Amino acid sequence: MLHYQTNEVINAKALISHVTIIGKLIPQTPNDFMKLVRLAYDFRKAVLYATRMITKGMETNGILKELRGMLNKAYGDSAYKIAKTIVKGCRFNGGNPQHIKVKKLFIVSEGEAVRFGNRNARL
């Protein structure tokens, strides 16, 4: 019989070590909404900036240093990883990475193993 089929109490950390949350953030006030939009705008701008630097062949440390100046460390690292993936996909499909455009606003915040996951979401 599996653990989730029994009525006994078990250690949930041993059963589930990682979880992905997909949801919609609903700001409480118009000011919160504006802060969120500004963050999404800055994140999109950082991703585009990173794609240009990756295409030019800059070193990873130099790119991360620039992005961390634009955003905090967590968002800067996530912007770099997203940009690297976009450039890799563009090259794989035979496109020109210099012509990459991101139209919609978005935010990605990846967790770090040292911080035990994402610091923006805690359960």
PDB file of N, CA and C in Angstrom:
ATOM      1  N   MET A   1       0.847  -1.174   0.000  1.00  0.00           N
ATOM      2  CA  MET A   1       0.000   0.000   0.000  1.00  0.00           C
ATOM      3  C   MET A   1       0.896   1.242   0.000  1.00  0.00           C
ATOM      4  N   LEU A   2       0.574   2.229  -0.831  1.00  0.00           N
ATOM      5  CA  LEU A   2       1.376   3.446  -0.940  1.00  0.00           C
ATOM      6  C   LEU A   2       1.102   4.383   0.225  1.00  0.00           C
ATOM      7  N   HIS A   3       2.051   5.348   0.450  1.00  0.00           N
ATOM      8  CA  HIS A   3       1.924   6.276   1.577  1.00  0.00           C
ATOM      9  C   HIS A   3       0.657   7.117   1.500  1.00  0.00           C
ATOM     10  N   TYR A   4       0.294   7.566   0.310  1.00  0.00           N
ATOM     11  CA  TYR A   4      -0.853   8.456   0.217  1.00  0.00           C
ATOM     12  C   TYR A   4      -2.181   7.708   0.371  1.00  0.00           C
ATOM     13  N   GLN A   5      -2.155   6.375   0.390  1.00  0.00           N
ATOM     14  CA  GLN A   5      -3.372   5.593   0.540  1.00  0.00           C
ATOM     15  C   GLN A   5      -3.638   5.204   1.997  1.00  0.00           C
ATOM     16  N   THR A   6      -2.688   5.469   2.875  1.00  0.00           N
ATOM     17  CA  THR A   6      -2.874   5.107   4.283  1.00  0.00           C
ATOM     18  C   THR A   6      -3.390   6.292   5.070  1.00  0.00           C
ATOM     19  N   ASN A   7      -3.889   6.039   6.237  1.00  0.00           N
ATOM     20  CA  ASN A   7      -4.412   7.095   7.090  1.00  0.00           C
ATOM     21  C   ASN A   7      -3.386   7.582   8.102  1.00  0.00           C
ATOM     22  N   GLU A   8      -2.192   7.020   8.096  1.00  0.00           N
ATOM     23  CA  GLU A   8      -1.182   7.436   9.067  1.00  0.00           C
ATOM     24  C   GLU A   8      -0.504   8.736   8.631  1.00  0.00           C
ATOM     25  N   VAL A   9      -0.026   9.511   9.583  1.00  0.00           N
ATOM     26  CA  VAL A   9       0.647  10.772   9.321  1.00  0.00           C
ATOM     27  C   VAL A   9       2.073  10.468   8.902  1.00  0.00           C
ATOM     28  N   ILE A  10       2.512  11.112   7.806  1.00  0.00           N
ATOM     29  CA  ILE A  10       3.871  10.917   7.315  1.00  0.00           C
ATOM     30  C   ILE A  10       4.547  12.270   7.163  1.00  0.00           C
ATOM     31  N   ASN A  11       5.841  12.233   6.979  1.00  0.00           N
ATOM     32  CA  ASN A  11       6.615  13.448   6.763  1.00  0.00           C
ATOM     33  C   ASN A  11       6.431  13.890   5.309  1.00  0.00           C
ATOM     34  N   ALA A  12       5.772  15.020   5.087  1.00  0.00           N
ATOM     35  CA  ALA A  12       5.468  15.492   3.739  1.00  0.00           C
ATOM     36  C   ALA A  12       6.735  15.858   2.967  1.00  0.00           C
ATOM     37  N   LYS A  13       7.786  16.301   3.652  1.00  0.00           N
ATOM     38  CA  LYS A  13       9.023  16.667   2.962  1.00  0.00           C
ATOM     39  C   LYS A  13       9.663  15.452   2.294  1.00  0.00           C
ATOM     40  N   ALA A  14       9.512  14.278   2.904  1.00  0.00           N
ATOM     41  CA  ALA A  14      10.061  13.075   2.308  1.00  0.00           C
ATOM     42  C   ALA A  14       9.241  12.642   1.094  1.00  0.00           C
ATOM     43  N   LEU A  15       7.969  12.931   1.093  1.00  0.00           N
ATOM     44  CA  LEU A  15       7.083  12.534   0.004  1.00  0.00           C
ATOM     45  C   LEU A  15       7.167  13.492  -1.178  1.00  0.00           C
ATOM     46  N   ILE A  16       7.156  14.790  -0.919  1.00  0.00           N
ATOM     47  CA  ILE A  16       7.190  15.809  -1.973  1.00  0.00           C
ATOM     48  C   ILE A  16       8.367  16.736  -1.702  1.00  0.00           C
ATOM     49  N   SER A  17       9.329  16.733  -2.628  1.00  0.00           N
ATOM     50  CA  SER A  17      10.500  17.592  -2.418  1.00  0.00           C
ATOM     51  C   SER A  17      10.427  18.880  -3.237  1.00  0.00           C
ATOM     52  N   HIS A  18       9.676  18.883  -4.356  1.00  0.00           N
ATOM     53  CA  HIS A  18       9.574  20.055  -5.214  1.00  0.00           C
ATOM     54  C   HIS A  18       8.131  20.221  -5.681  1.00  0.00           C
ATOM     55  N   VAL A  19       7.753  21.454  -5.917  1.00  0.00           N
ATOM     56  CA  VAL A  19       6.412  21.742  -6.416  1.00  0.00           C
ATOM     57  C   VAL A  19       6.508  22.916  -7.384  1.00  0.00           C
ATOM     58  N   THR A  20       5.684  22.912  -8.411  1.00  0.00           N
ATOM     59  CA  THR A  20       5.604  24.020  -9.359  1.00  0.00           C
ATOM     60  C   THR A  20       4.253  24.688  -9.181  1.00  0.00           C
ATOM     61  N   ILE A  21       4.268  26.010  -9.038  1.00  0.00           N
ATOM     62  CA  ILE A  21       3.038  26.768  -8.872  1.00  0.00           C
ATOM     63  C   ILE A  21       2.789  27.564 -10.141  1.00  0.00           C
ATOM     64  N   ILE A  22       1.655  27.349 -10.747  1.00  0.00           N
ATOM     65  CA  ILE A  22       1.247  28.132 -11.916  1.00  0.00           C
ATOM     66  C   ILE A  22      -0.021  28.851 -11.507  1.00  0.00           C
ATOM     67  N   GLY A  23       0.008  30.157 -11.543  1.00  0.00           N
ATOM     68  CA  GLY A  23      -1.158  30.893 -11.090  1.00  0.00           C
ATOM     69  C   GLY A  23      -1.178  32.302 -11.632  1.00  0.00           C
ATOM     70  N   LYS A  24      -2.159  33.004 -11.213  1.00  0.00           N
ATOM     71  CA  LYS A  24      -2.338  34.391 -11.622  1.00  0.00           C
ATOM     72  C   LYS A  24      -2.243  35.271 -10.381  1.00  0.00           C
ATOM     73  N   LEU A  25      -1.398  36.263 -10.446  1.00  0.00           N
ATOM     74  CA  LEU A  25      -1.228  37.196  -9.343  1.00  0.00           C
ATOM     75  C   LEU A  25      -2.224  38.330  -9.510  1.00  0.00           C
ATOM     76  N   ILE A  26      -3.036  38.554  -8.495  1.00  0.00           N
ATOM     77  CA  ILE A  26      -4.022  39.628  -8.532  1.00  0.00           C
ATOM     78  C   ILE A  26      -3.602  40.694  -7.525  1.00  0.00           C
ATOM     79  N   PRO A  27      -3.110  41.848  -8.013  1.00  0.00           N
ATOM     80  CA  PRO A  27      -2.670  42.922  -7.110  1.00  0.00           C
ATOM     81  C   PRO A  27      -3.844  43.480  -6.303  1.00  0.00           C
ATOM     82  N   GLN A  28      -3.557  43.885  -5.071  1.00  0.00           N
ATOM     83  CA  GLN A  28      -4.579  44.405  -4.172  1.00  0.00           C
ATOM     84  C   GLN A  28      -4.918  45.869  -4.453  1.00  0.00           C
ATOM     85  N   THR A  29      -3.920  46.647  -4.833  1.00  0.00           N
ATOM     86  CA  THR A  29      -4.129  48.076  -5.053  1.00  0.00           C
ATOM     87  C   THR A  29      -3.587  48.480  -6.429  1.00  0.00           C
ATOM     88  N   PRO A  30      -4.011  49.625  -6.935  1.00  0.00           N
ATOM     89  CA  PRO A  30      -3.457  50.104  -8.217  1.00  0.00           C
ATOM     90  C   PRO A  30      -1.938  50.328  -8.146  1.00  0.00           C
ATOM     91  N   ASN A  31      -1.440  50.707  -6.978  1.00  0.00           N
ATOM     92  CA  ASN A  31      -0.007  50.901  -6.808  1.00  0.00           C
ATOM     93  C   ASN A  31       0.739  49.566  -6.936  1.00  0.00           C
ATOM     94  N   ASP A  32       0.175  48.508  -6.353  1.00  0.00           N
ATOM     95  CA  ASP A  32       0.775  47.181  -6.493  1.00  0.00           C
ATOM     96  C   ASP A  32       0.790  46.752  -7.957  1.00  0.00           C
ATOM     97  N   PHE A  33      -0.289  47.049  -8.667  1.00  0.00           N
ATOM     98  CA  PHE A  33      -0.364  46.723 -10.090  1.00  0.00           C
ATOM     99  C   PHE A  33       0.722  47.441 -10.874  1.00  0.00           C
ATOM    100  N   MET A  34       0.929  48.707 -10.593  1.00  0.00           N
ATOM    101  CA  MET A  34       1.952  49.479 -11.300  1.00  0.00           C
ATOM    102  C   MET A  34       3.357  48.949 -11.003  1.00  0.00           C
ATOM    103  N   LYS A  35       3.607  48.539  -9.761  1.00  0.00           N
ATOM    104  CA  LYS A  35       4.907  47.955  -9.418  1.00  0.00           C
ATOM    105  C   LYS A  35       5.144  46.659 -10.187  1.00  0.00           C
ATOM    106  N   LEU A  36       4.105  45.843 -10.306  1.00  0.00           N
ATOM    107  CA  LEU A  36       4.198  44.580 -11.031  1.00  0.00           C
ATOM    108  C   LEU A  36       4.445  44.817 -12.521  1.00  0.00           C
ATOM    109  N   VAL A  37       3.744  45.771 -13.093  1.00  0.00           N
ATOM    110  CA  VAL A  37       3.932  46.092 -14.514  1.00  0.00           C
ATOM    111  C   VAL A  37       5.340  46.625 -14.750  1.00  0.00           C
ATOM    112  N   ARG A  38       5.822  47.462 -13.847  1.00  0.00           N
ATOM    113  CA  ARG A  38       7.179  48.008 -13.982  1.00  0.00           C
ATOM    114  C   ARG A  38       8.227  46.900 -13.910  1.00  0.00           C
ATOM    115  N   LEU A  39       8.038  45.951 -13.000  1.00  0.00           N
ATOM    116  CA  LEU A  39       8.957  44.819 -12.895  1.00  0.00           C
ATOM    117  C   LEU A  39       8.932  43.988 -14.176  1.00  0.00           C
ATOM    118  N   ALA A  40       7.738  43.725 -14.712  1.00  0.00           N
ATOM    119  CA  ALA A  40       7.619  42.946 -15.946  1.00  0.00           C
ATOM    120  C   ALA A  40       8.269  43.682 -17.115  1.00  0.00           C
ATOM    121  N   TYR A  41       8.098  44.993 -17.173  1.00  0.00           N
ATOM    122  CA  TYR A  41       8.722  45.788 -18.226  1.00  0.00           C
ATOM    123  C   TYR A  41      10.246  45.720 -18.117  1.00  0.00           C
ATOM    124  N   ASP A  42      10.777  45.901 -16.917  1.00  0.00           N
ATOM    125  CA  ASP A  42      12.226  45.836 -16.711  1.00  0.00           C
ATOM    126  C   ASP A  42      12.772  44.437 -17.006  1.00  0.00           C
ATOM    127  N   PHE A  43      12.007  43.398 -16.662  1.00  0.00           N
ATOM    128  CA  PHE A  43      12.447  42.029 -16.916  1.00  0.00           C
ATOM    129  C   PHE A  43      12.525  41.775 -18.423  1.00  0.00           C
ATOM    130  N   ARG A  44      11.500  42.193 -19.155  1.00  0.00           N
ATOM    131  CA  ARG A  44      11.505  42.016 -20.611  1.00  0.00           C
ATOM    132  C   ARG A  44      12.687  42.757 -21.235  1.00  0.00           C
ATOM    133  N   LYS A  45      12.935  43.968 -20.769  1.00  0.00           N
ATOM    134  CA  LYS A  45      14.056  44.770 -21.267  1.00  0.00           C
ATOM    135  C   LYS A  45      15.395  44.070 -20.979  1.00  0.00           C
ATOM    136  N   ALA A  46      15.517  43.474 -19.789  1.00  0.00           N
ATOM    137  CA  ALA A  46      16.743  42.768 -19.419  1.00  0.00           C
ATOM    138  C   ALA A  46      16.946  41.524 -20.288  1.00  0.00           C
ATOM    139  N   VAL A  47      15.866  40.816 -20.598  1.00  0.00           N
ATOM    140  CA  VAL A  47      15.975  39.633 -21.466  1.00  0.00           C
ATOM    141  C   VAL A  47      16.447  40.039 -22.858  1.00  0.00           C
ATOM    142  N   LEU A  48      15.884  41.093 -23.410  1.00  0.00           N
ATOM    143  CA  LEU A  48      16.318  41.565 -24.733  1.00  0.00           C
ATOM    144  C   LEU A  48      17.774  42.013 -24.722  1.00  0.00           C
ATOM    145  N   TYR A  49      18.162  42.709 -23.668  1.00  0.00           N
ATOM    146  CA  TYR A  49      19.541  43.168 -23.519  1.00  0.00           C
ATOM    147  C   TYR A  49      20.484  41.961 -23.437  1.00  0.00           C
ATOM    148  N   ALA A  50      20.077  40.944 -22.686  1.00  0.00           N
ATOM    149  CA  ALA A  50      20.903  39.745 -22.534  1.00  0.00           C
ATOM    150  C   ALA A  50      21.026  38.984 -23.853  1.00  0.00           C
ATOM    151  N   THR A  51      19.952  38.941 -24.651  1.00  0.00           N
ATOM    152  CA  THR A  51      20.055  38.247 -25.941  1.00  0.00           C
ATOM    153  C   THR A  51      21.086  38.926 -26.833  1.00  0.00           C
ATOM    154  N   ARG A  52      21.132  40.247 -26.798  1.00  0.00           N
ATOM    155  CA  ARG A  52      22.121  40.970 -27.615  1.00  0.00           C
ATOM    156  C   ARG A  52      23.545  40.675 -27.138  1.00  0.00           C
ATOM    157  N   MET A  53      23.740  40.649 -25.817  1.00  0.00           N
ATOM    158  CA  MET A  53      25.080  40.385 -25.282  1.00  0.00           C
ATOM    159  C   MET A  53      25.515  38.947 -25.562  1.00  0.00           C
ATOM    160  N   ILE A  54      24.581  37.994 -25.450  1.00  0.00           N
ATOM    161  CA  ILE A  54      24.913  36.589 -25.735  1.00  0.00           C
ATOM    162  C   ILE A  54      25.278  36.433 -27.200  1.00  0.00           C
ATOM    163  N   THR A  55      24.540  37.097 -28.073  1.00  0.00           N
ATOM    164  CA  THR A  55      24.797  37.018 -29.511  1.00  0.00           C
ATOM    165  C   THR A  55      26.165  37.590 -29.854  1.00  0.00           C
ATOM    166  N   LYS A  56      26.572  38.628 -29.154  1.00  0.00           N
ATOM    167  CA  LYS A  56      27.883  39.233 -29.400  1.00  0.00           C
ATOM    168  C   LYS A  56      29.026  38.408 -28.818  1.00  0.00           C
ATOM    169  N   GLY A  57      28.711  37.386 -28.017  1.00  0.00           N
ATOM    170  CA  GLY A  57      29.735  36.494 -27.479  1.00  0.00           C
ATOM    171  C   GLY A  57      30.358  36.950 -26.176  1.00  0.00           C
ATOM    172  N   MET A  58      29.677  37.786 -25.420  1.00  0.00           N
ATOM    173  CA  MET A  58      30.210  38.227 -24.133  1.00  0.00           C
ATOM    174  C   MET A  58      30.275  37.049 -23.152  1.00  0.00           C
ATOM    175  N   GLU A  59      31.146  37.173 -22.171  1.00  0.00           N
ATOM    176  CA  GLU A  59      31.269  36.132 -21.151  1.00  0.00           C
ATOM    177  C   GLU A  59      30.065  36.144 -20.214  1.00  0.00           C
ATOM    178  N   THR A  60      29.764  34.984 -19.668  1.00  0.00           N
ATOM    179  CA  THR A  60      28.604  34.819 -18.782  1.00  0.00           C
ATOM    180  C   THR A  60      28.689  35.737 -17.574  1.00  0.00           C
ATOM    181  N   ASN A  61      29.859  35.819 -16.954  1.00  0.00           N
ATOM    182  CA  ASN A  61      30.010  36.649 -15.747  1.00  0.00           C
ATOM    183  C   ASN A  61      29.758  38.126 -16.042  1.00  0.00           C
ATOM    184  N   GLY A  62      30.206  38.587 -17.185  1.00  0.00           N
ATOM    185  CA  GLY A  62      29.976  39.982 -17.569  1.00  0.00           C
ATOM    186  C   GLY A  62      28.504  40.273 -17.805  1.00  0.00           C
ATOM    187  N   ILE A  63      27.820  39.321 -18.438  1.00  0.00           N
ATOM    188  CA  ILE A  63      26.382  39.490 -18.698  1.00  0.00           C
ATOM    189  C   ILE A  63      25.613  39.503 -17.389  1.00  0.00           C
ATOM    190  N   LEU A  64      25.928  38.555 -16.507  1.00  0.00           N
ATOM    191  CA  LEU A  64      25.232  38.490 -15.218  1.00  0.00           C
ATOM    192  C   LEU A  64      25.467  39.749 -14.386  1.00  0.00           C
ATOM    193  N   LYS A  65      26.668  40.287 -14.450  1.00  0.00           N
ATOM    194  CA  LYS A  65      26.966  41.514 -13.707  1.00  0.00           C
ATOM    195  C   LYS A  65      26.108  42.674 -14.210  1.00  0.00           C
ATOM    196  N   GLU A  66      25.965  42.772 -15.526  1.00  0.00           N
ATOM    197  CA  GLU A  66      25.124  43.825 -16.110  1.00  0.00           C
ATOM    198  C   GLU A  66      23.655  43.645 -15.709  1.00  0.00           C
ATOM    199  N   LEU A  67      23.168  42.414 -15.801  1.00  0.00           N
ATOM    200  CA  LEU A  67      21.759  42.150 -15.487  1.00  0.00           C
ATOM    201  C   LEU A  67      21.458  42.365 -14.012  1.00  0.00           C
ATOM    202  N   ARG A  68      22.393  42.013 -13.155  1.00  0.00           N
ATOM    203  CA  ARG A  68      22.179  42.214 -11.718  1.00  0.00           C
ATOM    204  C   ARG A  68      22.180  43.694 -11.359  1.00  0.00           C
ATOM    205  N   GLY A  69      22.755  44.522 -12.218  1.00  0.00           N
ATOM    206  CA  GLY A  69      22.667  45.968 -12.027  1.00  0.00           C
ATOM    207  C   GLY A  69      21.298  46.507 -12.426  1.00  0.00           C
ATOM    208  N   MET A  70      20.646  45.813 -13.360  1.00  0.00           N
ATOM    209  CA  MET A  70      19.319  46.237 -13.817  1.00  0.00           C
ATOM    210  C   MET A  70      18.217  45.704 -12.899  1.00  0.00           C
ATOM    211  N   LEU A  71      18.365  44.466 -12.459  1.00  0.00           N
ATOM    212  CA  LEU A  71      17.377  43.784 -11.606  1.00  0.00           C
ATOM    213  C   LEU A  71      18.112  43.210 -10.404  1.00  0.00           C
ATOM    214  N   ASN A  72      17.387  42.614  -9.471  1.00  0.00           N
ATOM    215  CA  ASN A  72      18.093  41.962  -8.374  1.00  0.00           C
ATOM    216  C   ASN A  72      18.685  40.640  -8.862  1.00  0.00           C
ATOM    217  N   LYS A  73      19.427  39.953  -8.004  1.00  0.00           N
ATOM    218  CA  LYS A  73      20.158  38.752  -8.404  1.00  0.00           C
ATOM    219  C   LYS A  73      19.243  37.657  -8.941  1.00  0.00           C
ATOM    220  N   ALA A  74      18.149  37.388  -8.258  1.00  0.00           N
ATOM    221  CA  ALA A  74      17.258  36.300  -8.663  1.00  0.00           C
ATOM    222  C   ALA A  74      16.650  36.562 -10.038  1.00  0.00           C
ATOM    223  N   TYR A  75      16.139  37.762 -10.256  1.00  0.00           N
ATOM    224  CA  TYR A  75      15.548  38.092 -11.543  1.00  0.00           C
ATOM    225  C   TYR A  75      16.611  38.217 -12.631  1.00  0.00           C
ATOM    226  N   GLY A  76      17.791  38.720 -12.300  1.00  0.00           N
ATOM    227  CA  GLY A  76      18.877  38.827 -13.264  1.00  0.00           C
ATOM    228  C   GLY A  76      19.331  37.465 -13.770  1.00  0.00           C
ATOM    229  N   ASP A  77      19.483  36.512 -12.849  1.00  0.00           N
ATOM    230  CA  ASP A  77      19.874  35.159 -13.239  1.00  0.00           C
ATOM    231  C   ASP A  77      18.796  34.507 -14.094  1.00  0.00           C
ATOM    232  N   SER A  78      17.540  34.714 -13.731  1.00  0.00           N
ATOM    233  CA  SER A  78      16.438  34.140 -14.514  1.00  0.00           C
ATOM    234  C   SER A  78      16.373  34.763 -15.904  1.00  0.00           C
ATOM    235  N   ALA A  79      16.592  36.069 -16.003  1.00  0.00           N
ATOM    236  CA  ALA A  79      16.586  36.746 -17.301  1.00  0.00           C
ATOM    237  C   ALA A  79      17.699  36.197 -18.196  1.00  0.00           C
ATOM    238  N   TYR A  80      18.876  35.923 -17.621  1.00  0.00           N
ATOM    239  CA  TYR A  80      19.980  35.360 -18.386  1.00  0.00           C
ATOM    240  C   TYR A  80      19.626  33.973 -18.913  1.00  0.00           C
ATOM    241  N   LYS A  81      19.047  33.136 -18.063  1.00  0.00           N
ATOM    242  CA  LYS A  81      18.705  31.775 -18.483  1.00  0.00           C
ATOM    243  C   LYS A  81      17.643  31.783 -19.579  1.00  0.00           C
ATOM    244  N   ILE A  82      16.663  32.657 -19.459  1.00  0.00           N
ATOM    245  CA  ILE A  82      15.629  32.766 -20.486  1.00  0.00           C
ATOM    246  C   ILE A  82      16.238  33.264 -21.797  1.00  0.00           C
ATOM    247  N   ALA A  83      17.092  34.274 -21.727  1.00  0.00           N
ATOM    248  CA  ALA A  83      17.720  34.824 -22.927  1.00  0.00           C
ATOM    249  C   ALA A  83      18.596  33.787 -23.616  1.00  0.00           C
ATOM    250  N   LYS A  84      19.336  33.028 -22.827  1.00  0.00           N
ATOM    251  CA  LYS A  84      20.195  31.983 -23.384  1.00  0.00           C
ATOM    252  C   LYS A  84      19.364  30.936 -24.118  1.00  0.00           C
ATOM    253  N   THR A  85      18.221  30.574 -23.540  1.00  0.00           N
ATOM    254  CA  THR A  85      17.329  29.598 -24.165  1.00  0.00           C
ATOM    255  C   THR A  85      16.730  30.149 -25.465  1.00  0.00           C
ATOM    256  N   ILE A  86      16.338  31.410 -25.451  1.00  0.00           N
ATOM    257  CA  ILE A  86      15.769  32.034 -26.655  1.00  0.00           C
ATOM    258  C   ILE A  86      16.804  32.077 -27.781  1.00  0.00           C
ATOM    259  N   VAL A  87      18.025  32.474 -27.464  1.00  0.00           N
ATOM    260  CA  VAL A  87      19.085  32.546 -28.486  1.00  0.00           C
ATOM    261  C   VAL A  87      19.398  31.151 -29.017  1.00  0.00           C
ATOM    262  N   LYS A  88      19.464  30.179 -28.128  1.00  0.00           N
ATOM    263  CA  LYS A  88      19.750  28.803 -28.553  1.00  0.00           C
ATOM    264  C   LYS A  88      18.648  28.289 -29.484  1.00  0.00           C
ATOM    265  N   GLY A  89      17.392  28.560 -29.146  1.00  0.00           N
ATOM    266  CA  GLY A  89      16.274  28.153 -29.996  1.00  0.00           C
ATOM    267  C   GLY A  89      16.277  28.858 -31.335  1.00  0.00           C
ATOM    268  N   CYS A  90      16.632  30.136 -31.319  1.00  0.00           N
ATOM    269  CA  CYS A  90      16.698  30.906 -32.560  1.00  0.00           C
ATOM    270  C   CYS A  90      17.771  30.346 -33.484  1.00  0.00           C
ATOM    271  N   ARG A  91      18.925  30.049 -32.938  1.00  0.00           N
ATOM    272  CA  ARG A  91      20.010  29.479 -33.746  1.00  0.00           C
ATOM    273  C   ARG A  91      19.642  28.093 -34.255  1.00  0.00           C
ATOM    274  N   PHE A  92      18.986  27.296 -33.431  1.00  0.00           N
ATOM    275  CA  PHE A  92      18.579  25.943 -33.828  1.00  0.00           C
ATOM    276  C   PHE A  92      17.616  25.992 -35.016  1.00  0.00           C
ATOM    277  N   ASN A  93      16.723  26.978 -35.022  1.00  0.00           N
ATOM    278  CA  ASN A  93      15.746  27.111 -36.099  1.00  0.00           C
ATOM    279  C   ASN A  93      16.282  27.874 -37.313  1.00  0.00           C
ATOM    280  N   GLY A  94      17.549  28.277 -37.274  1.00  0.00           N
ATOM    281  CA  GLY A  94      18.156  28.967 -38.401  1.00  0.00           C
ATOM    282  C   GLY A  94      17.847  30.453 -38.456  1.00  0.00           C
ATOM    283  N   GLY A  95      17.396  31.029 -37.350  1.00  0.00           N
ATOM    284  CA  GLY A  95      17.079  32.454 -37.313  1.00  0.00           C
ATOM    285  C   GLY A  95      18.282  33.299 -36.948  1.00  0.00           C
ATOM    286  N   ASN A  96      18.091  34.597 -37.011  1.00  0.00           N
ATOM    287  CA  ASN A  96      19.133  35.546 -36.652  1.00  0.00           C
ATOM    288  C   ASN A  96      18.846  36.056 -35.239  1.00  0.00           C
ATOM    289  N   PRO A  97      19.693  35.722 -34.257  1.00  0.00           N
ATOM    290  CA  PRO A  97      19.450  36.164 -32.878  1.00  0.00           C
ATOM    291  C   PRO A  97      19.432  37.679 -32.700  1.00  0.00           C
ATOM    292  N   GLN A  98      20.006  38.426 -33.639  1.00  0.00           N
ATOM    293  CA  GLN A  98      19.977  39.890 -33.550  1.00  0.00           C
ATOM    294  C   GLN A  98      18.574  40.443 -33.789  1.00  0.00           C
ATOM    295  N   HIS A  99      17.695  39.652 -34.375  1.00  0.00           N
ATOM    296  CA  HIS A  99      16.345  40.108 -34.684  1.00  0.00           C
ATOM    297  C   HIS A  99      15.302  39.635 -33.681  1.00  0.00           C
ATOM    298  N   ILE A 100      15.731  39.147 -32.539  1.00  0.00           N
ATOM    299  CA  ILE A 100      14.795  38.660 -31.513  1.00  0.00           C
ATOM    300  C   ILE A 100      14.032  39.847 -30.933  1.00  0.00           C
ATOM    301  N   LYS A 101      12.721  39.671 -30.828  1.00  0.00           N
ATOM    302  CA  LYS A 101      11.861  40.670 -30.187  1.00  0.00           C
ATOM    303  C   LYS A 101      10.935  39.938 -29.223  1.00  0.00           C
ATOM    304  N   VAL A 102      10.715  40.517 -28.072  1.00  0.00           N
ATOM    305  CA  VAL A 102       9.772  39.975 -27.098  1.00  0.00           C
ATOM    306  C   VAL A 102       8.653  40.987 -26.970  1.00  0.00           C
ATOM    307  N   LYS A 103       7.443  40.598 -27.338  1.00  0.00           N
ATOM    308  CA  LYS A 103       6.339  41.551 -27.380  1.00  0.00           C
ATOM    309  C   LYS A 103       5.592  41.670 -26.054  1.00  0.00           C
ATOM    310  N   LYS A 104       5.344  40.543 -25.391  1.00  0.00           N
ATOM    311  CA  LYS A 104       4.523  40.571 -24.176  1.00  0.00           C
ATOM    312  C   LYS A 104       5.374  40.727 -22.924  1.00  0.00           C
ATOM    313  N   LEU A 105       4.800  41.369 -21.932  1.00  0.00           N
ATOM    314  CA  LEU A 105       5.457  41.496 -20.635  1.00  0.00           C
ATOM    315  C   LEU A 105       5.354  40.165 -19.899  1.00  0.00           C
ATOM    316  N   PHE A 106       6.415  39.796 -19.210  1.00  0.00           N
ATOM    317  CA  PHE A 106       6.404  38.574 -18.416  1.00  0.00           C
ATOM    318  C   PHE A 106       7.475  38.655 -17.335  1.00  0.00           C
ATOM    319  N   ILE A 107       7.352  37.758 -16.374  1.00  0.00           N
ATOM    320  CA  ILE A 107       8.326  37.663 -15.284  1.00  0.00           C
ATOM    321  C   ILE A 107       8.602  36.183 -15.046  1.00  0.00           C
ATOM    322  N   VAL A 108       9.870  35.844 -14.876  1.00  0.00           N
ATOM    323  CA  VAL A 108      10.270  34.492 -14.503  1.00  0.00           C
ATOM    324  C   VAL A 108      11.157  34.626 -13.278  1.00  0.00           C
ATOM    325  N   SER A 109      10.874  33.835 -12.275  1.00  0.00           N
ATOM    326  CA  SER A 109      11.686  33.853 -11.070  1.00  0.00           C
ATOM    327  C   SER A 109      11.988  32.415 -10.690  1.00  0.00           C
ATOM    328  N   GLU A 110      13.217  32.010 -10.962  1.00  0.00           N
ATOM    329  CA  GLU A 110      13.636  30.642 -10.704  1.00  0.00           C
ATOM    330  C   GLU A 110      14.200  30.512  -9.306  1.00  0.00           C
ATOM    331  N   GLY A 111      14.036  29.365  -8.718  1.00  0.00           N
ATOM    332  CA  GLY A 111      14.566  29.122  -7.382  1.00  0.00           C
ATOM    333  C   GLY A 111      16.038  28.769  -7.405  1.00  0.00           C
ATOM    334  N   GLU A 112      16.662  28.873  -6.261  1.00  0.00           N
ATOM    335  CA  GLU A 112      18.068  28.510  -6.100  1.00  0.00           C
ATOM    336  C   GLU A 112      18.171  27.411  -5.067  1.00  0.00           C
ATOM    337  N   ALA A 113      19.051  26.453  -5.300  1.00  0.00           N
ATOM    338  CA  ALA A 113      19.221  25.340  -4.371  1.00  0.00           C
ATOM    339  C   ALA A 113      19.736  25.835  -3.014  1.00  0.00           C
ATOM    340  N   VAL A 114      20.594  26.840  -3.036  1.00  0.00           N
ATOM    341  CA  VAL A 114      21.161  27.365  -1.795  1.00  0.00           C
ATOM    342  C   VAL A 114      20.081  27.989  -0.907  1.00  0.00           C
ATOM    343  N   ARG A 115      19.085  28.602  -1.531  1.00  0.00           N
ATOM    344  CA  ARG A 115      17.994  29.264  -0.797  1.00  0.00           C
ATOM    345  C   ARG A 115      16.784  28.354  -0.598  1.00  0.00           C
ATOM    346  N   PHE A 116      16.942  27.078  -0.935  1.00  0.00           N
ATOM    347  CA  PHE A 116      15.866  26.082  -0.807  1.00  0.00           C
ATOM    348  C   PHE A 116      14.657  26.461  -1.636  1.00  0.00           C
ATOM    349  N   GLY A 117      14.878  26.829  -2.903  1.00  0.00           N
ATOM    350  CA  GLY A 117      13.774  27.141  -3.802  1.00  0.00           C
ATOM    351  C   GLY A 117      13.648  28.620  -4.055  1.00  0.00           C
ATOM    352  N   ASN A 118      12.484  28.986  -4.526  1.00  0.00           N
ATOM    353  CA  ASN A 118      12.212  30.365  -4.900  1.00  0.00           C
ATOM    354  C   ASN A 118      11.886  31.190  -3.657  1.00  0.00           C
ATOM    355  N   ARG A 119      12.528  32.328  -3.547  1.00  0.00           N
ATOM    356  CA  ARG A 119      12.264  33.160  -2.362  1.00  0.00           C
ATOM    357  C   ARG A 119      11.032  34.024  -2.510  1.00  0.00           C
ATOM    358  N   ASN A 120      10.408  34.025  -3.702  1.00  0.00           N
ATOM    359  CA  ASN A 120       9.185  34.774  -3.909  1.00  0.00           C
ATOM    360  C   ASN A 120       7.934  33.998  -3.514  1.00  0.00           C
ATOM    361  N   ALA A 121       8.056  32.691  -3.377  1.00  0.00           N
ATOM    362  CA  ALA A 121       6.903  31.859  -3.001  1.00  0.00           C
ATOM    363  C   ALA A 121       7.330  30.892  -1.911  1.00  0.00           C
ATOM    364  N   ARG A 122       6.653  30.929  -0.804  1.00  0.00           N
ATOM    365  CA  ARG A 122       6.926  30.010   0.304  1.00  0.00           C
ATOM    366  C   ARG A 122       5.626  29.343   0.716  1.00  0.00           C
ATOM    367  N   LEU A 123       5.694  28.050   0.929  1.00  0.00           N
ATOM    368  CA  LEU A 123       4.518  27.296   1.374  1.00  0.00           C
ATOM    369  C   LEU A 123       4.636  26.987   2.846  1.00  0.00           C
TER     370      LEU A 123
END
